[in-house]
Amino acid sequence: MGSMAHGNIAVDFEDRLLSHLQIVIVQRFRRNESLLMSWLDAVSVGDGRSSLWLTPAMPVYFKFAGSRVPVIDEQWLQRLMESARSSTGLVVTAPGGELARAMGSVRLS
């Protein structure tokens, strides 16, 4: 399980999912574009939904638990890219298209 931190929020995701999110987010930031990212919360933090406004003006940090880079699923990546370009923003989904759940989230001080 890896994590992504942006501003004072850190969210934990499975490493393979996080690798795909990293590509999508970095591509948007390279074009100096902000985006909304939404996901299902971990059951441990309330089982709801969360959204985070991501902006290239603020650093984003990706920390992976494993040392190996996961194989990138091009179809999954394309679906995530299309989602990030939509008016609803990047909705975090699993490879099959179902909503993906964070493993946990923590507000940093």
C-alpha atoms as a PDB file:
ATOM      1  CA  MET A   1       0.000   0.000   0.000  1.00  0.00           C
ATOM      2  CA  GLY A   2       1.389   3.332  -1.077  1.00  0.00           C
ATOM      3  CA  SER A   3       0.272   6.869  -0.413  1.00  0.00           C
ATOM      4  CA  MET A   4      -0.199  10.174  -2.172  1.00  0.00           C
ATOM      5  CA  ALA A   5       0.148  13.481  -0.318  1.00  0.00           C
ATOM      6  CA  HIS A   6      -1.031  16.856  -1.584  1.00  0.00           C
ATOM      7  CA  GLY A   7      -1.228  19.831   0.731  1.00  0.00           C
ATOM      8  CA  ASN A   8      -2.275  18.601   4.158  1.00  0.00           C
ATOM      9  CA  ILE A   9      -3.979  15.414   2.926  1.00  0.00           C
ATOM     10  CA  ALA A  10      -2.449  11.977   2.446  1.00  0.00           C
ATOM     11  CA  VAL A  11      -4.439   9.120   0.929  1.00  0.00           C
ATOM     12  CA  ASP A  12      -3.407   5.476   0.856  1.00  0.00           C
ATOM     13  CA  PHE A  13      -3.978   3.411  -2.282  1.00  0.00           C
ATOM     14  CA  GLU A  14      -2.785   0.029  -3.475  1.00  0.00           C
ATOM     15  CA  ASP A  15       0.562   0.469  -5.324  1.00  0.00           C
ATOM     16  CA  ARG A  16      -0.704  -0.587  -8.757  1.00  0.00           C
ATOM     17  CA  LEU A  17      -3.605   1.853  -8.604  1.00  0.00           C
ATOM     18  CA  LEU A  18      -1.299   4.574  -7.288  1.00  0.00           C
ATOM     19  CA  SER A  19       1.076   4.054 -10.241  1.00  0.00           C
ATOM     20  CA  HIS A  20      -1.764   4.674 -12.677  1.00  0.00           C
ATOM     21  CA  LEU A  21      -2.962   7.723 -10.741  1.00  0.00           C
ATOM     22  CA  GLN A  22       0.565   9.117 -10.710  1.00  0.00           C
ATOM     23  CA  ILE A  23       0.754   9.018 -14.508  1.00  0.00           C
ATOM     24  CA  VAL A  24      -2.626  10.732 -14.920  1.00  0.00           C
ATOM     25  CA  ILE A  25      -1.918  13.438 -12.344  1.00  0.00           C
ATOM     26  CA  VAL A  26       1.588  14.180 -13.612  1.00  0.00           C
ATOM     27  CA  GLN A  27       0.285  14.479 -17.182  1.00  0.00           C
ATOM     28  CA  ARG A  28      -2.260  17.075 -16.056  1.00  0.00           C
ATOM     29  CA  PHE A  29       0.305  18.959 -13.976  1.00  0.00           C
ATOM     30  CA  ARG A  30       2.758  19.020 -16.902  1.00  0.00           C
ATOM     31  CA  ARG A  31       0.101  21.003 -18.783  1.00  0.00           C
ATOM     32  CA  ASN A  32      -0.334  23.219 -15.719  1.00  0.00           C
ATOM     33  CA  GLU A  33      -3.889  21.929 -15.265  1.00  0.00           C
ATOM     34  CA  SER A  34      -5.660  21.399 -11.950  1.00  0.00           C
ATOM     35  CA  LEU A  35      -8.187  18.636 -11.419  1.00  0.00           C
ATOM     36  CA  LEU A  36     -10.631  17.180  -8.935  1.00  0.00           C
ATOM     37  CA  MET A  37      -9.951  13.601  -7.803  1.00  0.00           C
ATOM     38  CA  SER A  38     -12.673  11.531  -6.076  1.00  0.00           C
ATOM     39  CA  TRP A  39     -12.624   8.054  -4.514  1.00  0.00           C
ATOM     40  CA  LEU A  40     -14.460   5.767  -2.126  1.00  0.00           C
ATOM     41  CA  ASP A  41     -13.118   6.049   1.417  1.00  0.00           C
ATOM     42  CA  ALA A  42     -11.692   3.156   3.336  1.00  0.00           C
ATOM     43  CA  VAL A  43     -14.228   1.540   5.634  1.00  0.00           C
ATOM     44  CA  SER A  44     -11.926   2.446   8.547  1.00  0.00           C
ATOM     45  CA  VAL A  45     -12.526   6.178   7.965  1.00  0.00           C
ATOM     46  CA  GLY A  46     -16.272   6.089   7.487  1.00  0.00           C
ATOM     47  CA  ASP A  47     -17.027   4.270   4.242  1.00  0.00           C
ATOM     48  CA  GLY A  48     -18.055   7.481   2.437  1.00  0.00           C
ATOM     49  CA  ARG A  49     -16.624   9.332  -0.527  1.00  0.00           C
ATOM     50  CA  SER A  50     -13.923  11.975  -0.654  1.00  0.00           C
ATOM     51  CA  SER A  51     -12.687  14.485  -3.217  1.00  0.00           C
ATOM     52  CA  LEU A  52      -9.485  16.477  -3.358  1.00  0.00           C
ATOM     53  CA  TRP A  53      -8.664  19.495  -5.536  1.00  0.00           C
ATOM     54  CA  LEU A  54      -5.219  18.896  -7.031  1.00  0.00           C
ATOM     55  CA  THR A  55      -3.266  21.864  -8.317  1.00  0.00           C
ATOM     56  CA  PRO A  56       0.211  21.976  -9.872  1.00  0.00           C
ATOM     57  CA  ALA A  57       1.008  24.999  -7.681  1.00  0.00           C
ATOM     58  CA  MET A  58       1.322  22.634  -4.707  1.00  0.00           C
ATOM     59  CA  PRO A  59       3.724  19.673  -4.510  1.00  0.00           C
ATOM     60  CA  VAL A  60       2.341  16.164  -4.792  1.00  0.00           C
ATOM     61  CA  TYR A  61       4.222  13.278  -3.218  1.00  0.00           C
ATOM     62  CA  PHE A  62       3.845   9.609  -4.164  1.00  0.00           C
ATOM     63  CA  LYS A  63       5.234   6.936  -1.822  1.00  0.00           C
ATOM     64  CA  PHE A  64       5.102   3.318  -2.961  1.00  0.00           C
ATOM     65  CA  ALA A  65       5.330   0.404  -0.529  1.00  0.00           C
ATOM     66  CA  GLY A  66       6.938  -1.943  -3.057  1.00  0.00           C
ATOM     67  CA  SER A  67      10.177  -1.470  -4.964  1.00  0.00           C
ATOM     68  CA  ARG A  68       8.945  -2.920  -8.275  1.00  0.00           C
ATOM     69  CA  VAL A  69       7.113  -0.729 -10.787  1.00  0.00           C
ATOM     70  CA  PRO A  70       3.772  -2.391 -11.595  1.00  0.00           C
ATOM     71  CA  VAL A  71       2.827  -3.235 -15.174  1.00  0.00           C
ATOM     72  CA  ILE A  72       0.731  -0.396 -16.590  1.00  0.00           C
ATOM     73  CA  ASP A  73      -2.641  -1.410 -18.017  1.00  0.00           C
ATOM     74  CA  GLU A  74      -3.083   0.877 -21.035  1.00  0.00           C
ATOM     75  CA  GLN A  75      -6.882   0.485 -21.188  1.00  0.00           C
ATOM     76  CA  TRP A  76      -7.256   1.283 -17.497  1.00  0.00           C
ATOM     77  CA  LEU A  77      -4.902   4.239 -17.879  1.00  0.00           C
ATOM     78  CA  GLN A  78      -6.942   5.527 -20.824  1.00  0.00           C
ATOM     79  CA  ARG A  79     -10.193   5.319 -18.804  1.00  0.00           C
ATOM     80  CA  LEU A  80      -8.580   7.240 -15.947  1.00  0.00           C
ATOM     81  CA  MET A  81      -7.220   9.877 -18.374  1.00  0.00           C
ATOM     82  CA  GLU A  82     -10.674  10.324 -19.910  1.00  0.00           C
ATOM     83  CA  SER A  83     -12.183  10.663 -16.449  1.00  0.00           C
ATOM     84  CA  ALA A  84      -9.613  13.319 -15.504  1.00  0.00           C
ATOM     85  CA  ARG A  85     -10.594  15.345 -18.587  1.00  0.00           C
ATOM     86  CA  SER A  86     -14.325  15.161 -17.780  1.00  0.00           C
ATOM     87  CA  SER A  87     -16.421  17.706 -15.877  1.00  0.00           C
ATOM     88  CA  THR A  88     -16.649  15.283 -12.929  1.00  0.00           C
ATOM     89  CA  GLY A  89     -12.868  15.076 -12.622  1.00  0.00           C
ATOM     90  CA  LEU A  90     -10.726  12.030 -11.990  1.00  0.00           C
ATOM     91  CA  VAL A  91     -12.958   9.371 -10.460  1.00  0.00           C
ATOM     92  CA  VAL A  92     -10.674   6.668  -9.108  1.00  0.00           C
ATOM     93  CA  THR A  93     -11.687   3.317 -10.563  1.00  0.00           C
ATOM     94  CA  ALA A  94     -10.308  -0.209 -10.561  1.00  0.00           C
ATOM     95  CA  PRO A  95      -9.181  -1.971 -13.767  1.00  0.00           C
ATOM     96  CA  GLY A  96     -12.704  -3.293 -14.420  1.00  0.00           C
ATOM     97  CA  GLY A  97     -14.237   0.192 -14.209  1.00  0.00           C
ATOM     98  CA  GLU A  98     -15.825  -0.171 -10.769  1.00  0.00           C
ATOM     99  CA  LEU A  99     -15.186   2.540  -8.186  1.00  0.00           C
ATOM    100  CA  ALA A 100     -11.950   1.981  -6.298  1.00  0.00           C
ATOM    101  CA  ARG A 101     -11.590   2.303  -2.558  1.00  0.00           C
ATOM    102  CA  ALA A 102      -8.749   4.034  -0.740  1.00  0.00           C
ATOM    103  CA  MET A 103      -6.943   1.930   1.816  1.00  0.00           C
ATOM    104  CA  GLY A 104      -7.012   4.821   4.284  1.00  0.00           C
ATOM    105  CA  SER A 105      -6.619   8.584   4.502  1.00  0.00           C
ATOM    106  CA  VAL A 106      -4.998  10.883   6.971  1.00  0.00           C
ATOM    107  CA  ARG A 107      -5.124  14.633   7.446  1.00  0.00           C
ATOM    108  CA  LEU A 108      -1.612  15.933   7.990  1.00  0.00           C
ATOM    109  CA  SER A 109      -0.812  18.923  10.165  1.00  0.00           C
END
